[in-house]
Amino acid sequence: MERTPKQRLYWLLRLYKDKEIQAETFCDEFHLTYHYELNYDELTETERVLFKEIAAVAARFSPFEEDHKIYPGVYFTTEDVERVVRENSSELFS
């Protein structure tokens, strides 16, 4: 099934929330879709704000502990991804 970029963002959120994909895959796909494929004019104001917050974390996610040690505060962890998805998706799916 072909999805629009906006539909793909929602689909990725559902997959991640349902633990069907890992944080690394979610972040890679969300980042690429949000930054390179999405037409921001198609979003509601709420979607603009919430997707932007998720995209900011997704773009700077690193699964490598070494990255977090060498560059503290630069990269986000799996826990950060889980938090931002949980906080923002509840409003997106309401």
Protein backbone atom coordinates (compact mmCIF):
# COMPACT_ATOMS: atom_id res chain seq x y z
CA MET A 1 0.00 0.00 0.00
CA GLU A 2 1.34 3.37 -1.00
CA ARG A 3 1.27 5.95 1.80
CA THR A 4 1.63 9.70 1.68
CA PRO A 5 4.50 11.04 3.80
CA LYS A 6 2.00 12.21 6.43
CA GLN A 7 0.36 8.77 6.54
CA ARG A 8 3.81 7.21 6.77
CA LEU A 9 4.65 9.27 9.88
CA TYR A 10 1.49 8.05 11.60
CA TRP A 11 2.21 4.48 10.48
CA LEU A 12 5.75 4.66 11.87
CA LEU A 13 4.44 5.97 15.18
CA ARG A 14 1.98 3.08 15.41
CA LEU A 15 4.66 0.52 14.57
CA TYR A 16 7.00 1.95 17.19
CA LYS A 17 4.31 2.22 19.86
CA ASP A 18 3.31 -1.39 19.16
CA LYS A 19 6.98 -2.44 19.42
CA GLU A 20 7.00 -3.74 15.86
CA ILE A 21 10.14 -1.73 15.00
CA GLN A 22 13.19 -0.71 17.04
CA ALA A 23 14.15 2.86 17.90
CA GLU A 24 16.94 2.96 15.33
CA THR A 25 14.67 1.98 12.43
CA PHE A 26 11.91 4.30 13.64
CA CYS A 27 14.28 7.26 13.93
CA ASP A 28 15.92 6.69 10.54
CA GLU A 29 12.58 6.37 8.75
CA PHE A 30 10.85 9.19 10.64
CA HIS A 31 13.77 11.54 10.03
CA LEU A 32 13.94 10.81 6.30
CA THR A 33 10.19 11.07 5.80
CA TYR A 34 9.80 14.25 7.87
CA HIS A 35 12.79 16.15 6.54
CA TYR A 36 12.91 15.03 2.90
CA GLU A 37 9.47 13.86 1.78
CA LEU A 38 6.83 15.68 3.80
CA ASN A 39 4.94 18.71 2.52
CA TYR A 40 4.58 20.74 5.73
CA ASP A 41 1.61 22.63 4.26
CA GLU A 42 -0.45 19.43 4.51
CA LEU A 43 -0.11 19.34 8.30
CA THR A 44 -2.45 20.81 10.88
CA GLU A 45 -0.89 23.21 13.37
CA THR A 46 -0.93 20.48 16.03
CA GLU A 47 0.78 18.01 13.69
CA ARG A 48 3.38 20.63 12.78
CA VAL A 49 4.33 21.16 16.43
CA LEU A 50 4.25 17.53 17.54
CA PHE A 51 5.92 15.99 14.48
CA LYS A 52 8.66 18.62 14.74
CA GLU A 53 9.37 17.61 18.36
CA ILE A 54 9.56 13.93 17.43
CA ALA A 55 11.71 14.68 14.37
CA ALA A 56 14.21 16.65 16.47
CA VAL A 57 14.79 13.62 18.70
CA ALA A 58 14.78 11.16 15.79
CA ALA A 59 17.40 13.16 13.88
CA ARG A 60 19.83 13.05 16.82
CA PHE A 61 19.22 9.52 18.09
CA SER A 62 22.22 7.30 18.66
CA PRO A 63 22.06 3.69 19.85
CA PHE A 64 25.76 3.82 20.75
CA GLU A 65 26.64 4.38 24.40
CA GLU A 66 30.05 5.65 23.32
CA ASP A 67 28.43 8.59 21.47
CA HIS A 68 26.63 9.61 24.66
CA LYS A 69 29.85 9.43 26.68
CA ILE A 70 32.00 11.35 24.21
CA TYR A 71 29.35 13.95 23.34
CA PRO A 72 27.07 14.32 26.37
CA GLY A 73 23.83 16.12 25.62
CA VAL A 74 24.25 15.91 21.84
CA TYR A 75 22.50 12.62 21.09
CA PHE A 76 19.23 11.14 22.27
CA THR A 77 18.76 7.66 23.76
CA THR A 78 16.09 5.01 23.25
CA GLU A 79 14.45 6.29 26.45
CA ASP A 80 14.28 9.79 24.94
CA VAL A 81 12.63 8.38 21.80
CA GLU A 82 10.10 6.43 23.86
CA ARG A 83 9.29 9.53 25.91
CA VAL A 84 8.80 11.89 22.97
CA VAL A 85 6.69 9.34 21.07
CA ARG A 86 4.55 8.64 24.15
CA GLU A 87 4.06 12.34 24.98
CA ASN A 88 3.26 13.46 21.45
CA SER A 89 1.43 10.52 19.99
CA SER A 90 -1.30 10.60 22.62
CA GLU A 91 -2.37 13.99 21.23
CA LEU A 92 -1.84 12.95 17.59
CA PHE A 93 -4.02 9.85 17.94
CA SER A 94 -6.78 11.49 20.03
